[in-house]
Amino acid sequence: MGLASLQASTAGLESNDAGDSTYNLVEGQLATFTSQRDALAGQMLNLREGAAFNNQPIPDQQAIQLIQQAQALLHSVRNLANNP
């Protein structure tokens, strides 16, 4: 997500729109993506810690769902980088 978000931010900076409207829009969307990423990472971390320290199994369906959500988020960030 890091490189794609850098590309999106750079594209927003380079837009030269009046009032930096594209830049502000891109940065706002990146902030939303970052919050979504942090929420997903927190869920993944909780599952991993439960498995590592409490011998709790990670349900396959839950793992698949989190992976799919993370992939969709990455796709959204890449799309923003290509179309700011």
N, C-alpha and C. Protein backbone atom coordinates (compact mmCIF):
# COMPACT_ATOMS: atom_id res chain seq x y z
N MET A 1 0.83 -1.18 0.00
CA MET A 1 0.00 0.00 0.00
C MET A 1 0.87 1.25 0.00
N GLY A 2 2.07 1.15 0.54
CA GLY A 2 2.94 2.31 0.68
C GLY A 2 3.29 2.99 -0.63
N LEU A 3 3.77 2.22 -1.60
CA LEU A 3 4.18 2.80 -2.87
C LEU A 3 2.99 3.38 -3.62
N ALA A 4 1.88 2.68 -3.62
CA ALA A 4 0.69 3.17 -4.31
C ALA A 4 0.18 4.46 -3.67
N SER A 5 0.23 4.55 -2.35
CA SER A 5 -0.23 5.78 -1.70
C SER A 5 0.72 6.93 -1.99
N LEU A 6 2.00 6.65 -2.09
CA LEU A 6 2.98 7.69 -2.46
C LEU A 6 2.72 8.18 -3.88
N GLN A 7 2.43 7.25 -4.79
CA GLN A 7 2.13 7.62 -6.17
C GLN A 7 0.86 8.47 -6.25
N ALA A 8 -0.15 8.11 -5.48
CA ALA A 8 -1.40 8.88 -5.48
C ALA A 8 -1.17 10.28 -4.93
N SER A 9 -0.44 10.37 -3.84
CA SER A 9 -0.17 11.67 -3.25
C SER A 9 0.64 12.55 -4.19
N THR A 10 1.62 11.97 -4.85
CA THR A 10 2.44 12.71 -5.81
C THR A 10 1.58 13.21 -6.97
N ALA A 11 0.69 12.36 -7.46
CA ALA A 11 -0.20 12.77 -8.55
C ALA A 11 -1.10 13.93 -8.11
N GLY A 12 -1.55 13.88 -6.88
CA GLY A 12 -2.36 14.98 -6.35
C GLY A 12 -1.57 16.27 -6.28
N LEU A 13 -0.31 16.17 -5.86
CA LEU A 13 0.55 17.35 -5.79
C LEU A 13 0.81 17.93 -7.17
N GLU A 14 0.98 17.07 -8.14
CA GLU A 14 1.32 17.51 -9.50
C GLU A 14 0.12 18.03 -10.28
N SER A 15 -1.07 17.90 -9.74
CA SER A 15 -2.27 18.26 -10.50
C SER A 15 -2.38 19.76 -10.76
N ASN A 16 -1.84 20.59 -9.88
CA ASN A 16 -1.89 22.05 -10.03
C ASN A 16 -3.31 22.59 -10.17
N ASP A 17 -4.27 21.93 -9.55
CA ASP A 17 -5.65 22.42 -9.57
C ASP A 17 -5.78 23.66 -8.70
N ALA A 18 -6.71 24.51 -9.07
CA ALA A 18 -6.99 25.69 -8.26
C ALA A 18 -7.42 25.26 -6.87
N GLY A 19 -6.82 25.84 -5.87
CA GLY A 19 -7.17 25.49 -4.50
C GLY A 19 -6.72 24.11 -4.09
N ASP A 20 -5.85 23.51 -4.88
CA ASP A 20 -5.34 22.16 -4.57
C ASP A 20 -6.47 21.15 -4.36
N SER A 21 -7.54 21.27 -5.13
CA SER A 21 -8.70 20.41 -4.92
C SER A 21 -8.38 18.94 -5.13
N THR A 22 -7.62 18.60 -6.16
CA THR A 22 -7.27 17.19 -6.38
C THR A 22 -6.39 16.67 -5.25
N TYR A 23 -5.41 17.46 -4.87
CA TYR A 23 -4.52 17.06 -3.77
C TYR A 23 -5.33 16.81 -2.50
N ASN A 24 -6.22 17.74 -2.15
CA ASN A 24 -7.02 17.59 -0.94
C ASN A 24 -7.93 16.37 -1.01
N LEU A 25 -8.50 16.12 -2.18
CA LEU A 25 -9.35 14.95 -2.37
C LEU A 25 -8.54 13.66 -2.19
N VAL A 26 -7.37 13.62 -2.83
CA VAL A 26 -6.51 12.43 -2.74
C VAL A 26 -6.07 12.20 -1.30
N GLU A 27 -5.63 13.25 -0.63
CA GLU A 27 -5.17 13.09 0.76
C GLU A 27 -6.30 12.65 1.68
N GLY A 28 -7.50 13.16 1.45
CA GLY A 28 -8.64 12.71 2.25
C GLY A 28 -8.95 11.24 2.03
N GLN A 29 -8.88 10.82 0.77
CA GLN A 29 -9.14 9.41 0.47
C GLN A 29 -8.04 8.53 1.06
N LEU A 30 -6.80 9.00 1.01
CA LEU A 30 -5.70 8.23 1.60
C LEU A 30 -5.87 8.10 3.12
N ALA A 31 -6.37 9.13 3.76
CA ALA A 31 -6.62 9.05 5.20
C ALA A 31 -7.69 8.00 5.50
N THR A 32 -8.71 7.94 4.66
CA THR A 32 -9.75 6.92 4.82
C THR A 32 -9.17 5.53 4.62
N PHE A 33 -8.37 5.37 3.57
CA PHE A 33 -7.73 4.07 3.32
C PHE A 33 -6.83 3.66 4.48
N THR A 34 -6.11 4.62 5.04
CA THR A 34 -5.23 4.31 6.17
C THR A 34 -6.03 3.83 7.37
N SER A 35 -7.15 4.45 7.64
CA SER A 35 -8.01 4.01 8.75
C SER A 35 -8.54 2.60 8.50
N GLN A 36 -8.93 2.33 7.26
CA GLN A 36 -9.41 0.99 6.92
C GLN A 36 -8.29 -0.04 7.06
N ARG A 37 -7.08 0.32 6.61
CA ARG A 37 -5.95 -0.58 6.74
C ARG A 37 -5.64 -0.88 8.20
N ASP A 38 -5.67 0.16 9.02
CA ASP A 38 -5.38 -0.03 10.44
C ASP A 38 -6.40 -0.94 11.11
N ALA A 39 -7.66 -0.80 10.72
CA ALA A 39 -8.70 -1.66 11.28
C ALA A 39 -8.50 -3.11 10.87
N LEU A 40 -8.18 -3.33 9.60
CA LEU A 40 -7.91 -4.70 9.12
C LEU A 40 -6.69 -5.29 9.80
N ALA A 41 -5.64 -4.49 9.90
CA ALA A 41 -4.41 -4.98 10.53
C ALA A 41 -4.66 -5.34 11.99
N GLY A 42 -5.48 -4.55 12.66
CA GLY A 42 -5.81 -4.86 14.06
C GLY A 42 -6.52 -6.19 14.19
N GLN A 43 -7.46 -6.45 13.29
CA GLN A 43 -8.17 -7.73 13.32
C GLN A 43 -7.21 -8.89 13.05
N MET A 44 -6.32 -8.70 12.09
CA MET A 44 -5.35 -9.75 11.76
C MET A 44 -4.41 -9.99 12.93
N LEU A 45 -3.98 -8.92 13.56
CA LEU A 45 -3.07 -9.04 14.70
C LEU A 45 -3.73 -9.79 15.85
N ASN A 46 -5.00 -9.48 16.11
CA ASN A 46 -5.72 -10.18 17.17
C ASN A 46 -5.80 -11.68 16.89
N LEU A 47 -6.07 -12.04 15.65
CA LEU A 47 -6.13 -13.46 15.29
C LEU A 47 -4.77 -14.12 15.46
N ARG A 48 -3.73 -13.44 15.00
CA ARG A 48 -2.39 -14.00 15.09
C ARG A 48 -1.95 -14.17 16.54
N GLU A 49 -2.21 -13.16 17.36
CA GLU A 49 -1.83 -13.26 18.77
C GLU A 49 -2.61 -14.36 19.48
N GLY A 50 -3.89 -14.49 19.14
CA GLY A 50 -4.68 -15.56 19.73
C GLY A 50 -4.14 -16.92 19.37
N ALA A 51 -3.71 -17.07 18.13
CA ALA A 51 -3.13 -18.34 17.69
C ALA A 51 -1.77 -18.59 18.33
N ALA A 52 -0.96 -17.55 18.39
CA ALA A 52 0.41 -17.72 18.88
C ALA A 52 0.48 -17.90 20.40
N PHE A 53 -0.34 -17.16 21.13
CA PHE A 53 -0.19 -17.14 22.58
C PHE A 53 -1.30 -17.85 23.34
N ASN A 54 -2.41 -18.10 22.69
CA ASN A 54 -3.53 -18.74 23.38
C ASN A 54 -4.00 -20.02 22.69
N ASN A 55 -3.22 -20.47 21.71
CA ASN A 55 -3.53 -21.71 21.02
C ASN A 55 -4.94 -21.71 20.41
N GLN A 56 -5.39 -20.54 19.96
CA GLN A 56 -6.70 -20.43 19.34
C GLN A 56 -6.56 -20.62 17.83
N PRO A 57 -7.37 -21.46 17.24
CA PRO A 57 -7.29 -21.63 15.78
C PRO A 57 -7.82 -20.38 15.07
N ILE A 58 -7.28 -20.14 13.89
CA ILE A 58 -7.78 -19.05 13.05
C ILE A 58 -8.79 -19.67 12.09
N PRO A 59 -10.04 -19.27 12.19
CA PRO A 59 -11.05 -19.83 11.28
C PRO A 59 -10.72 -19.49 9.82
N ASP A 60 -10.74 -20.51 8.98
CA ASP A 60 -10.40 -20.31 7.57
C ASP A 60 -11.23 -19.21 6.92
N GLN A 61 -12.53 -19.25 7.15
CA GLN A 61 -13.41 -18.28 6.51
C GLN A 61 -13.08 -16.85 6.95
N GLN A 62 -12.76 -16.69 8.22
CA GLN A 62 -12.41 -15.36 8.71
C GLN A 62 -11.10 -14.88 8.10
N ALA A 63 -10.13 -15.76 8.00
CA ALA A 63 -8.85 -15.41 7.38
C ALA A 63 -9.04 -15.03 5.91
N ILE A 64 -9.83 -15.82 5.20
CA ILE A 64 -10.09 -15.54 3.78
C ILE A 64 -10.78 -14.19 3.63
N GLN A 65 -11.75 -13.92 4.48
CA GLN A 65 -12.47 -12.65 4.40
C GLN A 65 -11.54 -11.47 4.65
N LEU A 66 -10.66 -11.56 5.63
CA LEU A 66 -9.72 -10.48 5.91
C LEU A 66 -8.74 -10.28 4.75
N ILE A 67 -8.28 -11.38 4.18
CA ILE A 67 -7.37 -11.28 3.03
C ILE A 67 -8.08 -10.61 1.85
N GLN A 68 -9.31 -11.00 1.60
CA GLN A 68 -10.06 -10.39 0.50
C GLN A 68 -10.29 -8.90 0.73
N GLN A 69 -10.58 -8.53 1.96
CA GLN A 69 -10.77 -7.12 2.28
C GLN A 69 -9.48 -6.34 2.09
N ALA A 70 -8.37 -6.92 2.49
CA ALA A 70 -7.07 -6.26 2.33
C ALA A 70 -6.72 -6.12 0.85
N GLN A 71 -6.99 -7.15 0.07
CA GLN A 71 -6.72 -7.07 -1.37
C GLN A 71 -7.60 -6.02 -2.04
N ALA A 72 -8.85 -5.92 -1.64
CA ALA A 72 -9.75 -4.91 -2.20
C ALA A 72 -9.27 -3.51 -1.83
N LEU A 73 -8.80 -3.35 -0.62
CA LEU A 73 -8.28 -2.05 -0.19
C LEU A 73 -7.05 -1.68 -1.01
N LEU A 74 -6.15 -2.61 -1.20
CA LEU A 74 -4.95 -2.36 -2.00
C LEU A 74 -5.34 -2.00 -3.44
N HIS A 75 -6.32 -2.69 -3.98
CA HIS A 75 -6.81 -2.37 -5.33
C HIS A 75 -7.33 -0.93 -5.38
N SER A 76 -8.05 -0.52 -4.36
CA SER A 76 -8.59 0.85 -4.31
C SER A 76 -7.48 1.89 -4.27
N VAL A 77 -6.44 1.61 -3.49
CA VAL A 77 -5.31 2.55 -3.41
C VAL A 77 -4.59 2.62 -4.75
N ARG A 78 -4.38 1.48 -5.37
CA ARG A 78 -3.73 1.47 -6.69
C ARG A 78 -4.57 2.20 -7.73
N ASN A 79 -5.88 2.03 -7.65
CA ASN A 79 -6.77 2.73 -8.57
C ASN A 79 -6.68 4.24 -8.37
N LEU A 80 -6.61 4.67 -7.13
CA LEU A 80 -6.46 6.10 -6.85
C LEU A 80 -5.13 6.62 -7.38
N ALA A 81 -4.08 5.81 -7.26
CA ALA A 81 -2.76 6.22 -7.77
C ALA A 81 -2.79 6.40 -9.28
N ASN A 82 -3.57 5.57 -9.96
CA ASN A 82 -3.65 5.65 -11.42
C ASN A 82 -4.67 6.66 -11.92
N ASN A 83 -5.62 7.02 -11.07
CA ASN A 83 -6.70 7.94 -11.46
C ASN A 83 -7.01 8.91 -10.33
N PRO A 84 -6.09 9.83 -10.03
CA PRO A 84 -6.32 10.72 -8.87
C PRO A 84 -7.46 11.66 -9.02
